Protein backbone atom coordinates (compact mmCIF):
# COMPACT_ATOMS: atom_id res chain seq x y z
CA MET A 1 6.56 -37.96 -11.80
CA SER A 2 5.62 -35.17 -9.41
CA ARG A 3 3.20 -33.77 -12.02
CA PHE A 4 1.13 -36.97 -11.95
CA LEU A 5 1.78 -38.34 -8.47
CA ALA A 6 0.29 -36.42 -5.56
CA ARG A 7 2.65 -36.04 -2.63
CA SER A 8 5.47 -37.64 -4.60
CA GLY A 9 8.11 -36.23 -2.25
CA ASP A 10 6.64 -38.02 0.76
CA ARG A 11 5.79 -41.20 -1.15
CA CYS A 12 9.32 -41.59 -2.53
CA LEU A 13 11.11 -40.57 0.66
CA PRO A 14 12.04 -44.22 1.56
CA PHE A 15 13.69 -44.57 -1.89
CA PHE A 16 15.72 -41.40 -1.38
CA ARG A 17 16.92 -42.58 2.01
CA ALA A 18 17.95 -45.99 0.65
CA LEU A 19 19.82 -44.45 -2.32
CA LYS A 20 21.69 -42.00 -0.12
CA ASN A 21 24.05 -44.74 1.04
CA PRO A 22 24.91 -46.94 -2.00
CA LYS A 23 27.42 -49.04 -0.05
CA GLY A 24 24.93 -49.99 2.64
CA PHE A 25 21.92 -50.27 0.31
CA GLN A 26 19.07 -52.23 1.86
CA TRP A 27 15.55 -52.76 0.52
CA THR A 28 13.30 -52.47 3.56
CA THR A 29 9.63 -53.22 4.12
CA GLU A 30 9.04 -49.47 4.16
CA CYS A 31 10.48 -49.21 0.63
CA GLU A 32 8.33 -52.13 -0.52
CA GLU A 33 5.18 -50.51 0.88
CA ALA A 34 6.06 -47.20 -0.77
CA LEU A 35 6.57 -48.94 -4.13
CA LYS A 36 3.14 -50.59 -3.87
CA GLN A 37 1.50 -47.23 -3.18
CA VAL A 38 3.22 -45.66 -6.19
CA LYS A 39 2.14 -48.53 -8.46
CA GLN A 40 -1.43 -48.35 -7.18
CA HIS A 41 -1.62 -44.62 -7.77
CA LEU A 42 -0.06 -44.80 -11.26
CA ALA A 43 -2.61 -47.45 -12.20
CA ASN A 44 -5.45 -44.99 -11.48
CA LEU A 45 -4.12 -41.67 -12.75
CA PRO A 46 -6.60 -38.77 -12.80
CA ARG A 47 -7.79 -37.50 -16.17
CA LEU A 48 -6.13 -34.21 -17.17
CA ALA A 49 -8.20 -31.40 -18.68
CA SER A 50 -7.52 -28.18 -20.58
CA VAL A 51 -9.02 -24.79 -19.80
CA SER A 52 -11.02 -22.30 -21.81
CA PRO A 53 -10.19 -18.57 -22.00
CA GLY A 54 -11.58 -16.69 -19.00
CA GLU A 55 -12.35 -19.86 -17.06
CA LYS A 56 -11.64 -19.73 -13.31
CA LEU A 57 -9.36 -22.38 -11.85
CA SER A 58 -8.67 -23.57 -8.31
CA ILE A 59 -5.32 -24.56 -6.85
CA TYR A 60 -5.09 -26.62 -3.65
CA LEU A 61 -1.98 -26.16 -1.52
CA ALA A 62 -0.66 -28.44 1.22
CA ALA A 63 2.64 -29.05 2.97
CA SER A 64 4.23 -31.77 5.05
CA PRO A 65 7.50 -31.90 7.02
CA HIS A 66 9.24 -33.28 3.89
CA ALA A 67 7.53 -31.70 0.85
CA VAL A 68 5.22 -28.98 -0.45
CA SER A 69 2.58 -30.01 -3.02
CA SER A 70 -0.21 -28.44 -5.02
CA VAL A 71 -2.83 -29.49 -7.54
CA LEU A 72 -4.61 -27.28 -10.10
CA VAL A 73 -8.20 -28.23 -10.93
CA LYS A 74 -11.15 -27.02 -12.98
CA GLU A 75 -14.80 -27.74 -12.26
CA ASN A 76 -16.83 -29.43 -14.99
CA SER A 77 -20.45 -30.41 -14.25
CA GLY A 78 -19.75 -30.68 -10.54
CA GLU A 79 -16.56 -32.72 -11.06
CA GLN A 80 -13.12 -31.31 -10.35
CA LEU A 81 -10.43 -32.31 -12.88
CA PRO A 82 -6.68 -31.55 -12.71
CA VAL A 83 -5.29 -29.30 -15.47
CA TYR A 84 -1.75 -28.92 -16.76
CA TYR A 85 -1.63 -25.23 -17.65
CA ALA A 86 -3.58 -22.21 -16.50
CA HIS A 87 -4.48 -18.53 -16.64
CA PRO A 88 -6.36 -16.79 -13.77
CA VAL A 89 -5.86 -18.90 -10.63
CA GLU A 90 -7.92 -19.12 -7.44
CA VAL A 91 -5.82 -20.44 -4.54
CA ILE A 92 -7.88 -22.52 -2.10
CA THR A 93 -6.08 -23.05 1.19
CA ASP A 94 -6.71 -23.05 4.92
CA GLN A 95 -3.54 -20.98 5.50
CA PRO A 96 -3.63 -17.14 5.75
CA LEU A 97 -1.59 -16.54 2.58
CA ARG A 98 -3.35 -13.35 1.49
CA GLN A 99 -2.95 -11.66 4.88
CA VAL A 100 0.71 -12.67 5.21
CA LEU A 101 1.69 -11.59 1.68
CA SER A 102 -0.05 -8.21 2.02
CA LYS A 103 1.45 -7.20 5.40
CA PHE A 104 5.08 -6.47 4.55
CA ASP A 105 5.67 -4.49 7.75
CA VAL A 106 5.20 -7.75 9.68
CA ALA A 107 7.23 -10.00 7.35
CA GLY A 108 9.38 -7.84 5.10
CA ARG A 109 11.36 -10.78 3.74
CA LEU A 110 8.21 -11.92 1.93
CA LEU A 111 8.23 -8.78 -0.23
CA LYS A 112 10.13 -10.45 -3.09
CA TRP A 113 7.63 -13.33 -3.15
CA ALA A 114 4.71 -10.90 -3.15
CA VAL A 115 6.21 -9.03 -6.11
CA GLU A 116 6.74 -12.28 -8.05
CA LEU A 117 3.23 -13.58 -7.31
CA GLY A 118 1.69 -10.15 -7.96
CA GLU A 119 2.42 -10.52 -11.68
CA HIS A 120 -0.10 -13.37 -11.88
CA ASP A 121 -3.88 -13.19 -11.68
CA ILE A 122 -4.20 -14.89 -8.26
CA GLN A 123 -7.08 -14.76 -5.79
CA TYR A 124 -6.94 -16.36 -2.32
CA VAL A 125 -10.12 -17.94 -0.92
CA PRO A 126 -10.69 -20.19 2.13
CA ARG A 127 -10.96 -23.92 1.54
CA THR A 128 -14.56 -25.15 1.15
CA ALA A 129 -16.05 -28.50 0.17
CA ILE A 130 -13.72 -30.81 -1.84
CA LYS A 131 -15.61 -32.60 -4.61
CA ALA A 132 -12.94 -34.54 -6.52
CA GLN A 133 -12.01 -37.82 -4.80
CA SER A 134 -8.39 -37.64 -6.00
CA VAL A 135 -8.11 -34.14 -4.61
CA ALA A 136 -9.74 -35.29 -1.37
CA ASP A 137 -7.16 -38.08 -1.06
CA PHE A 138 -4.40 -35.61 -1.78
CA ILE A 139 -5.57 -33.21 0.92
CA ALA A 140 -6.32 -35.95 3.45
CA GLU A 141 -2.86 -37.49 3.09
CA LEU A 142 -1.10 -34.17 3.32
CA THR A 143 -3.06 -32.62 6.18
CA GLN A 144 -1.07 -33.12 9.38
CA ILE A 145 -2.72 -33.75 12.73
CA GLY A 146 -1.48 -31.29 15.29
CA ASP A 147 0.59 -29.38 12.71
CA GLU A 148 3.52 -27.69 14.39
CA SER A 149 3.16 -24.62 12.17
CA LEU A 150 -0.14 -23.80 13.82
CA GLY A 151 1.67 -23.37 17.09
CA GLN A 152 3.33 -20.29 15.65
CA LEU A 153 -0.04 -18.53 15.35
CA PRO A 154 -1.33 -16.40 18.23
CA GLU A 155 -3.58 -18.22 20.67
CA ALA A 156 -7.13 -18.06 19.36
CA TRP A 157 -9.99 -16.22 21.06
CA VAL A 158 -13.33 -18.04 21.32
CA LEU A 159 -16.52 -16.34 20.16
CA HIS A 160 -19.98 -17.76 21.03
CA VAL A 161 -22.76 -16.24 18.90
CA ASP A 162 -26.48 -16.84 18.74
CA GLY A 163 -29.46 -15.08 17.18
CA SER A 164 -33.08 -15.16 18.25
CA ALA A 165 -36.20 -13.98 16.40
CA ASN A 166 -39.90 -14.14 17.30
CA SER A 167 -43.09 -12.20 16.69
CA LYS A 168 -42.15 -9.61 19.35
CA GLY A 169 -38.64 -8.80 18.17
CA ALA A 170 -35.20 -10.09 17.29
CA GLY A 171 -31.80 -9.90 18.91
CA ALA A 172 -28.32 -11.37 19.21
CA GLY A 173 -26.10 -12.62 22.01
CA LEU A 174 -22.28 -12.54 21.94
CA VAL A 175 -19.71 -13.98 24.33
CA LEU A 176 -16.05 -13.29 23.45
CA GLN A 177 -13.52 -15.19 25.56
CA ALA A 178 -9.84 -14.21 25.66
CA PRO A 179 -7.04 -16.80 26.01
CA ASP A 180 -6.26 -15.47 29.50
CA GLY A 181 -9.82 -16.19 30.72
CA ARG A 182 -11.39 -12.75 30.34
CA SER A 183 -14.93 -12.70 28.98
CA PHE A 184 -16.82 -9.94 27.10
CA GLU A 185 -20.60 -10.12 26.67
CA ARG A 186 -22.95 -8.24 24.36
CA SER A 187 -26.72 -8.36 24.07
CA LEU A 188 -28.07 -6.60 20.95
CA ARG A 189 -31.70 -5.83 20.16
CA PHE A 190 -32.46 -5.31 16.45
CA GLY A 191 -34.32 -2.21 15.35
CA PHE A 192 -35.77 -4.14 12.40
CA ARG A 193 -37.71 -7.34 11.82
CA ALA A 194 -35.61 -10.40 10.95
CA THR A 195 -36.00 -14.12 10.40
CA ASN A 196 -34.15 -16.59 12.61
CA ASN A 197 -31.46 -17.21 9.96
CA GLU A 198 -30.98 -13.47 9.44
CA ALA A 199 -30.65 -13.03 13.20
CA GLU A 200 -27.95 -15.73 13.28
CA TYR A 201 -25.98 -13.94 10.56
CA GLU A 202 -26.40 -10.57 12.28
CA ALA A 203 -25.10 -12.09 15.51
CA LEU A 204 -22.06 -13.51 13.70
CA LEU A 205 -21.30 -10.18 11.99
CA ALA A 206 -21.65 -8.26 15.25
CA GLY A 207 -19.30 -10.69 16.98
CA LEU A 208 -16.69 -10.41 14.22
CA ARG A 209 -16.85 -6.60 14.36
CA LEU A 210 -16.38 -6.73 18.13
CA ALA A 211 -13.33 -8.98 17.72
CA LEU A 212 -11.81 -6.67 15.10
CA GLU A 213 -12.34 -3.66 17.36
CA MET A 214 -10.34 -5.48 20.04
CA GLN A 215 -7.60 -6.24 17.48
CA VAL A 216 -8.05 -10.00 17.63
CA VAL A 217 -6.02 -11.79 14.93
CA ALA A 218 -6.94 -15.45 15.58
CA ILE A 219 -10.49 -16.47 16.43
CA ARG A 220 -12.60 -19.64 16.78
CA VAL A 221 -16.34 -19.08 16.36
CA LEU A 222 -18.97 -21.41 17.85
CA THR A 223 -22.57 -21.24 16.65
CA ASP A 224 -25.59 -23.52 16.97
CA SER A 225 -26.90 -22.54 13.50
CA GLN A 226 -26.27 -25.40 11.09
CA LEU A 227 -27.20 -23.26 8.07
CA VAL A 228 -24.67 -20.52 8.87
CA ALA A 229 -21.90 -23.03 9.59
CA GLU A 230 -22.50 -25.11 6.46
CA GLN A 231 -22.86 -22.11 4.13
CA LEU A 232 -19.66 -20.56 5.41
CA ASN A 233 -17.74 -23.85 5.24
CA GLY A 234 -19.04 -24.62 1.75
CA GLY A 235 -21.37 -27.50 2.59
CA TYR A 236 -24.55 -25.60 1.65
CA GLU A 237 -25.08 -23.21 -1.25
CA ALA A 238 -26.52 -19.77 -0.43
CA ARG A 239 -29.30 -19.58 -3.03
CA ASP A 240 -31.41 -16.97 -1.26
CA PRO A 241 -30.24 -13.45 -2.28
CA THR A 242 -30.36 -12.18 1.30
CA MET A 243 -28.34 -15.12 2.60
CA ALA A 244 -25.83 -14.62 -0.23
CA LYS A 245 -25.35 -10.97 0.81
CA TYR A 246 -24.87 -11.97 4.43
CA LEU A 247 -22.40 -14.69 3.42
CA ALA A 248 -20.35 -12.25 1.32
CA GLN A 249 -20.27 -9.77 4.21
CA VAL A 250 -19.07 -12.46 6.62
CA LYS A 251 -16.30 -13.54 4.23
CA ASN A 252 -15.12 -9.93 3.91
CA LEU A 253 -14.75 -9.70 7.69
CA THR A 254 -13.17 -13.13 8.17
CA ALA A 255 -10.49 -12.26 5.61
CA LYS A 256 -9.17 -9.63 8.04
CA PHE A 257 -8.19 -12.28 10.60
CA LEU A 258 -4.88 -14.08 10.46
CA HIS A 259 -6.60 -17.34 11.47
CA PHE A 260 -10.36 -18.03 11.46
CA THR A 261 -12.37 -21.19 12.11
CA LEU A 262 -16.10 -21.75 12.63
CA PHE A 263 -17.77 -24.80 14.20
CA ASN A 264 -21.38 -25.89 14.59
CA VAL A 265 -22.05 -26.92 18.20
CA PRO A 266 -25.19 -28.21 19.98
CA ARG A 267 -27.44 -25.62 21.60
CA GLY A 268 -26.49 -26.94 25.02
CA GLU A 269 -22.87 -25.84 24.49
CA ASN A 270 -24.00 -22.35 23.50
CA GLU A 271 -26.37 -21.60 26.39
CA HIS A 272 -24.80 -18.32 27.52
CA ALA A 273 -25.06 -16.66 24.09
CA ASP A 274 -28.55 -18.14 23.64
CA THR A 275 -29.70 -16.55 26.92
CA LEU A 276 -28.35 -13.15 25.87
CA ALA A 277 -30.08 -13.42 22.48
CA LYS A 278 -33.45 -14.30 24.04
CA LEU A 279 -33.06 -11.41 26.47
CA ALA A 280 -32.57 -8.99 23.57
CA SER A 281 -35.51 -10.36 21.55
CA LYS A 282 -38.06 -9.59 24.30
CA PRO A 283 -40.54 -6.70 23.83
CA ALA A 284 -39.05 -3.24 24.21
CA LEU A 285 -40.76 -2.62 27.57
CA GLU A 286 -39.21 -5.76 29.06
CA VAL A 287 -35.65 -5.16 27.79
CA ARG A 288 -33.10 -4.47 30.51
CA PRO A 289 -30.85 -1.37 30.41
CA GLY A 290 -27.75 -3.43 29.48
CA VAL A 291 -29.16 -4.38 26.07
CA GLU A 292 -27.79 -2.34 23.16
CA GLU A 293 -29.72 -1.29 20.06
CA LEU A 294 -28.72 -2.30 16.50
CA PRO A 295 -30.70 0.11 14.28
CA ALA A 296 -30.04 -1.28 10.78
CA ARG A 297 -29.05 -4.48 9.03
CA ALA A 298 -25.35 -5.05 8.40
CA ILE A 299 -25.89 -5.69 4.69
CA GLU A 300 -27.81 -2.39 4.31
CA ILE A 301 -24.97 -0.45 5.98
CA ALA A 302 -22.40 -2.20 3.76
CA ALA A 303 -24.46 -1.49 0.62
CA ALA A 304 -24.81 2.20 1.55
CA ALA A 305 -21.09 2.45 2.26
CA SER A 306 -20.14 0.76 -1.02
CA GLY A 307 -22.56 2.96 -2.97
CA SER A 308 -21.08 6.19 -1.64
CA ALA A 309 -17.44 5.07 -1.53
CA PRO A 310 -15.06 7.04 -3.74
CA THR A 311 -13.48 5.26 -6.66
CA THR A 312 -10.14 7.06 -6.64
CA TRP A 313 -6.93 5.10 -7.14
CA VAL A 314 -5.98 5.60 -3.48
CA GLN A 315 -9.26 4.15 -2.19
CA GLU A 316 -9.07 1.19 -4.58
CA LEU A 317 -5.56 0.32 -3.38
CA LEU A 318 -6.56 0.70 0.28
CA ARG A 319 -9.62 -1.55 -0.16
CA PHE A 320 -7.51 -4.17 -1.92
CA LYS A 321 -4.83 -4.15 0.79
CA ARG A 322 -7.39 -4.27 3.62
CA ASP A 323 -9.88 -6.89 2.44
CA GLY A 324 -8.80 -7.96 -1.06
CA THR A 325 -11.67 -6.14 -2.84
CA LEU A 326 -10.90 -5.60 -6.54
CA PRO A 327 -12.60 -3.18 -8.97
CA PRO A 328 -14.88 -4.76 -11.60
CA ASP A 329 -12.66 -3.67 -14.49
CA LYS A 330 -10.26 -6.54 -15.27
CA ALA A 331 -7.43 -4.33 -16.53
CA THR A 332 -7.55 -2.16 -13.41
CA ALA A 333 -7.71 -5.24 -11.18
CA ARG A 334 -4.66 -6.72 -12.91
CA CYS A 335 -2.72 -3.48 -12.41
CA LEU A 336 -3.66 -3.42 -8.71
CA ARG A 337 -2.35 -6.96 -8.18
CA ARG A 338 0.95 -6.13 -9.85
CA ALA A 339 1.52 -2.75 -8.17
CA HIS A 340 0.16 -3.21 -4.64
CA ALA A 341 3.49 -4.54 -3.30
CA TRP A 342 4.99 -1.06 -3.76
CA TYR A 343 2.43 0.54 -1.46
CA THR A 344 1.86 0.39 2.28
CA GLU A 345 -0.68 1.80 4.73
CA VAL A 346 0.56 3.91 7.64
CA GLY A 347 -1.96 5.46 10.02
CA GLY A 348 -4.85 4.96 7.60
CA ARG A 349 -2.99 6.73 4.75
CA LEU A 350 -1.49 5.20 1.63
CA TYR A 351 2.24 5.63 0.99
CA LYS A 352 4.42 4.50 -1.91
CA ARG A 353 7.79 2.89 -1.37
CA SER A 354 10.70 4.50 -3.20
CA PHE A 355 14.36 3.72 -3.83
CA ILE A 356 15.84 7.19 -3.24
CA TYR A 357 13.17 8.93 -1.12
CA PRO A 358 11.31 7.97 2.07
CA LEU A 359 7.70 6.84 1.86
CA LEU A 360 5.80 9.12 -0.53
CA ARG A 361 2.32 10.33 0.50
CA CYS A 362 -0.22 9.22 -2.12
CA LEU A 363 -2.63 12.03 -2.98
CA GLU A 364 -6.27 12.03 -3.99
CA PRO A 365 -7.12 14.04 -7.15
CA ASP A 366 -8.33 17.07 -5.14
CA GLU A 367 -5.20 17.04 -2.97
CA ALA A 368 -3.00 16.69 -6.05
CA ARG A 369 -4.55 19.78 -7.65
CA THR A 370 -4.00 21.78 -4.45
CA VAL A 371 -0.32 20.79 -4.29
CA LEU A 372 0.18 21.56 -8.00
CA VAL A 373 -1.20 25.09 -7.66
CA GLU A 374 0.67 25.85 -4.42
CA VAL A 375 4.08 24.62 -5.60
CA HIS A 376 3.75 26.22 -9.04
CA GLU A 377 2.40 29.65 -8.17
CA GLY A 378 2.19 29.89 -4.36
CA VAL A 379 4.57 31.69 -2.01
CA CYS A 380 7.25 29.08 -2.76
CA GLY A 381 6.67 28.96 -6.52
CA GLU A 382 8.22 30.77 -9.46
CA HIS A 383 6.07 29.35 -12.30
CA ILE A 384 8.58 26.65 -13.23
CA GLY A 385 8.27 24.15 -16.09
CA GLY A 386 6.29 20.93 -16.02
CA ARG A 387 9.12 18.42 -15.56
CA THR A 388 10.81 20.52 -12.87
CA LEU A 389 7.44 21.01 -11.15
CA ALA A 390 6.81 17.25 -10.97
CA HIS A 391 10.36 16.62 -9.71
CA LYS A 392 9.96 19.26 -7.00
CA ILE A 393 6.66 17.78 -5.81
CA LEU A 394 8.30 14.34 -5.67
CA HIS A 395 11.14 15.78 -3.57
CA GLN A 396 8.60 17.13 -1.09
CA GLY A 397 7.26 13.61 -0.46
CA TYR A 398 4.10 13.46 -2.62
CA TYR A 399 3.10 11.01 -5.35
CA TRP A 400 0.26 10.16 -7.70
CA PRO A 401 0.51 8.10 -10.92
CA THR A 402 -0.16 10.93 -13.40
CA MET A 403 1.87 13.66 -11.71
CA CYS A 404 4.16 14.26 -14.73
CA GLN A 405 1.26 14.59 -17.18
CA ASP A 406 -0.74 16.74 -14.74
CA ALA A 407 2.24 19.04 -14.12
CA LYS A 408 2.80 19.58 -17.86
CA ALA A 409 -0.91 20.23 -18.43
CA HIS A 410 -1.02 22.71 -15.53
CA VAL A 411 2.00 24.62 -16.87
CA GLN A 412 0.44 24.81 -20.34
CA ARG A 413 -2.60 26.52 -18.80
CA CYS A 414 -0.46 29.03 -16.85
CA SER A 415 -0.50 32.37 -18.71
CA SER A 416 2.45 33.82 -16.75
CA PHE A 417 4.70 30.90 -17.63
CA GLN A 418 3.68 30.87 -21.28
CA GLU A 419 4.15 34.64 -21.62
CA HIS A 420 7.65 34.74 -20.12
CA ALA A 421 8.94 31.29 -21.12
CA ARG A 422 12.37 31.29 -22.75
CA THR A 423 12.51 30.27 -26.40
CA PRO A 424 15.70 28.26 -27.09
CA ARG A 425 17.51 29.64 -30.15
CA LEU A 426 20.86 27.81 -29.87
CA PRO A 427 21.42 24.31 -31.25
CA ALA A 428 21.56 21.49 -28.75
CA VAL A 429 25.06 20.71 -27.41
CA PRO A 430 26.38 18.27 -24.81
CA LEU A 431 26.26 19.41 -21.19
CA THR A 432 29.30 21.45 -20.10
CA PRO A 433 31.25 19.68 -17.32
CA MET A 434 31.77 21.56 -14.05
CA ASP A 435 34.66 21.20 -11.60
CA CYS A 436 32.23 21.00 -8.68
CA ALA A 437 28.52 21.44 -8.14
CA TRP A 438 28.68 24.34 -5.68
CA PRO A 439 25.47 24.27 -3.64
CA PHE A 440 25.51 27.99 -2.74
CA ALA A 441 25.92 29.23 -6.33
CA GLN A 442 22.44 30.75 -6.43
CA TRP A 443 21.89 31.23 -2.74
CA GLU A 444 21.79 34.97 -2.07
CA ALA A 445 20.48 38.05 -3.84
CA GLU A 446 19.61 41.46 -2.44
CA PRO A 447 17.89 44.48 -4.03
CA LEU A 448 20.08 47.62 -4.05
CA ALA A 449 19.38 51.10 -5.38
CA THR A 450 23.06 51.71 -6.14
CA ILE A 451 25.92 49.20 -6.10
CA THR A 452 28.97 50.56 -4.26
CA GLU A 453 32.08 48.97 -2.75
CA ARG A 454 30.70 49.45 0.76
CA GLN A 455 27.43 47.68 -0.12
CA ILE A 456 29.30 44.80 -1.78
CA GLU A 457 31.51 44.41 1.29
CA LYS A 458 28.46 44.44 3.58
CA PHE A 459 26.64 41.90 1.39
CA VAL A 460 29.57 39.45 1.38
CA TRP A 461 30.07 39.77 5.14
CA LYS A 462 26.36 39.49 6.09
CA ASN A 463 25.09 36.89 3.63
CA LEU A 464 28.16 34.74 3.00
CA VAL A 465 30.86 34.97 5.69
CA THR A 466 28.61 35.04 8.77
CA ARG A 467 26.37 32.25 7.43
CA PHE A 468 28.71 29.83 5.68
CA GLY A 469 32.22 30.87 6.72
CA LEU A 470 35.06 32.41 4.73
CA PRO A 471 35.05 31.42 1.04
CA ASN A 472 38.29 30.36 -0.61
CA THR A 473 37.72 32.32 -3.83
CA ILE A 474 35.29 34.95 -5.11
CA ILE A 475 34.93 35.22 -8.91
CA THR A 476 33.39 38.45 -10.23
CA ASP A 477 33.24 40.50 -13.38
CA ASN A 478 35.40 43.61 -13.84
CA GLY A 479 32.93 46.08 -12.37
CA PRO A 480 34.46 49.01 -10.44
CA GLN A 481 32.64 48.02 -7.24
CA PHE A 482 34.56 44.70 -7.29
CA ALA A 483 37.92 45.98 -8.60
CA GLY A 484 38.07 48.95 -6.18
CA ARG A 485 40.70 49.29 -3.48
CA LYS A 486 38.35 48.91 -0.50
CA PHE A 487 36.88 45.58 -1.62
CA ARG A 488 40.34 44.27 -2.55
CA GLU A 489 41.59 45.16 0.95
CA PHE A 490 38.53 43.47 2.51
CA CYS A 491 39.26 40.22 0.65
CA ALA A 492 43.00 40.38 1.44
CA ASN A 493 42.38 40.96 5.16
CA HIS A 494 40.19 37.84 5.34
CA GLY A 495 42.38 35.63 3.15
CA ILE A 496 39.88 35.49 0.28
CA GLN A 497 41.24 35.16 -3.26
CA LEU A 498 39.57 37.69 -5.58
CA ARG A 499 39.53 36.67 -9.24
CA PHE A 500 38.02 38.35 -12.28
CA SER A 501 36.49 36.78 -15.36
CA SER A 502 38.17 37.48 -18.70
CA VAL A 503 37.09 40.69 -20.43
CA ALA A 504 37.18 39.01 -23.83
CA HIS A 505 35.14 36.05 -22.58
CA PRO A 506 32.46 37.26 -20.15
CA GLN A 507 30.71 33.88 -20.48
CA THR A 508 33.42 32.41 -18.20
CA ASN A 509 31.38 33.89 -15.36
CA GLY A 510 28.41 32.02 -16.81
CA LEU A 511 27.26 30.41 -13.58
CA ALA A 512 26.42 33.80 -12.09
CA GLU A 513 24.90 34.92 -15.39
CA VAL A 514 22.62 31.87 -15.50
CA THR A 515 21.62 32.50 -11.89
CA ASN A 516 20.80 36.13 -12.65
CA ARG A 517 18.76 35.06 -15.66
CA SER A 518 16.80 32.54 -13.57
CA ILE A 519 16.09 35.21 -10.94
CA LEU A 520 14.95 37.69 -13.60
CA ASP A 521 12.68 35.11 -15.25
CA GLY A 522 11.11 34.28 -11.89
CA LEU A 523 10.61 37.96 -11.09
CA LYS A 524 8.93 38.59 -14.45
CA ARG A 525 6.44 35.76 -13.94
CA ARG A 526 5.59 36.64 -10.35
CA VAL A 527 5.35 40.40 -10.95
CA SER A 528 3.15 39.77 -14.00
CA ALA A 529 0.82 37.53 -11.98
CA ALA A 530 0.81 39.45 -8.68
CA ARG A 531 1.05 43.04 -10.07
CA SER A 532 3.44 44.00 -7.28
CA ALA A 533 6.91 45.56 -6.93
CA TRP A 534 9.80 43.29 -7.85
CA THR A 535 11.54 43.95 -4.53
CA ASP A 536 8.54 42.43 -2.71
CA GLU A 537 8.67 39.27 -4.84
CA LEU A 538 12.44 38.72 -4.66
CA PRO A 539 12.39 36.63 -1.41
CA SER A 540 9.74 34.30 -2.85
CA VAL A 541 11.72 33.84 -6.07
CA LEU A 542 14.89 33.08 -4.13
CA TRP A 543 13.02 30.59 -1.94
CA ALA A 544 11.65 28.88 -5.04
CA LEU A 545 15.13 28.63 -6.59
CA ARG A 546 16.63 27.25 -3.39
CA THR A 547 13.99 24.54 -3.03
CA THR A 548 13.85 23.46 -6.70
CA PRO A 549 16.01 20.48 -7.80
CA THR A 550 18.52 21.27 -10.55
CA THR A 551 19.19 19.13 -13.61
CA ALA A 552 22.93 18.79 -12.93
CA THR A 553 22.76 17.57 -9.32
CA ARG A 554 19.13 16.31 -9.14
CA GLU A 555 19.00 17.97 -5.73
CA SER A 556 17.87 21.39 -4.53
CA PRO A 557 20.46 23.90 -3.22
CA TYR A 558 18.70 23.79 0.16
CA SER A 559 19.08 20.01 0.33
CA LEU A 560 22.77 20.17 -0.60
CA ALA A 561 23.40 22.81 2.06
CA PHE A 562 21.43 21.36 4.98
CA GLY A 563 21.01 17.68 4.10
CA THR A 564 17.20 17.75 3.97
CA GLU A 565 14.44 19.37 1.96
CA ALA A 566 12.75 22.53 3.21
CA VAL A 567 9.18 22.25 4.52
CA LEU A 568 6.91 23.98 2.00
CA PRO A 569 3.38 25.33 2.64
CA PRO A 570 1.62 22.35 0.95
CA GLU A 571 3.16 20.02 3.54
CA VAL A 572 1.49 22.00 6.33
CA ALA A 573 -1.97 21.60 4.79
CA ILE A 574 -1.49 18.04 3.45
CA ALA A 575 0.88 16.27 5.82
CA THR A 576 3.59 13.92 4.56
CA LEU A 577 5.43 11.26 6.55
CA ARG A 578 7.94 13.79 7.94
CA THR A 579 5.36 16.43 8.92
């Protein structure tokens, strides 16, 4: 019944109350009146209609203390008809749904609803004129006088606006009143010729910009222009192209408020703003010093800004989250609606939410190329492969949608990597299990002209014992510098177990062999690219190995040792959330 009976929950509430107590059942006059209303409505059911592909629909939402209701309609020759199934949906409501569902930092518990609704092609627009009588009855019955939910909104500021235009000039007057009684006045003289209606719109836009600068979230606008009030509320149609541009600009600004209302008042109730507007519209020689200059029209500034605005994925997401602006391409717009819940704006920058990392800094294409080059072949790079390169960039706190493809393409263009890349010659086998993923396995390396027992002892003491403490066991090959008496005595004196890999199976010391091979590969690539001595490039190769995530642990050795990722040079130039 709820599909055909508007506000069925409220209409049938007396029945539900009577049926709750079957022992004390009593048919009251309230139940009788409710039954008559249901019969009367069912006798005049609205005609249902189907929709055509690509047709825009409107959904009206309303709520009462006992029920939440909605009706979906299509417009046919000026008549609004309910429909029973839909595609793209335009939600028409006087509640700030779009602002609430896009600001997850304010109401994080709404994130799951935003994700669910983001899968559908939904646009939120303010309620305008209601043409269908059945829809008008539905809204009128459900709209509550003095709704308690409005009390939860911040107390509204009051904005008086007025525009004035004559043969000598044009100007605007603004009076913004705070809930605590403070008042802010502006008198603006236009640096261009304008009609009276254009001056009224310019005054309204200037007042809205002033309110946004003062971080007002709820505002009530009073104007004596009937045309502006009716066009914005949907009573009049903006047929003139200039008025249509002004109307679109006003709607873009009003969407940034949590609560916005506009009323048409008599000129006598708007005298202060009218006086300021007339003062600004006087000839330039008669204008007082307190009058400010507005050099260009608001719609011209907006058109210039939109014409030069970048069309990168970051800017499109930011525009959609700020004012709901979607790109003209339908596929891109659909992707934005579905994905925007995973992104948030912090300090004017776009960040992506992640399950295992903190907020990831979203990069523009130019920034992404800079990070790719620096991480791959900079001072912290060793010309690693494409997948590892993308994983390392992700670990540093950066993100863009095509990072994996871009990393692979960049590696394919790198001559040093292609020249020294290893060619696998063994058949694929399952991964070999390890007893423990030792984070310091490839931590230290030092160039030596000759390897003696004394140098080995000094290396272990300086780079291992004094930095990380005494190790439990040291596993080496059977080289004389490890098997000599002095090194054995050094290990025995410090309680370190010295063990040797099997002579017949040198691969048992494979972890060190793999580490040596990785160091040699990195040295070959860097020496080939930089044309320098390998001893000069060894620290950079070691740094790259320590800050690169491994396949086995999915973490870098640095992160396993210190609990956080190292700060790399790209993070200094392009800051992330932690820098």
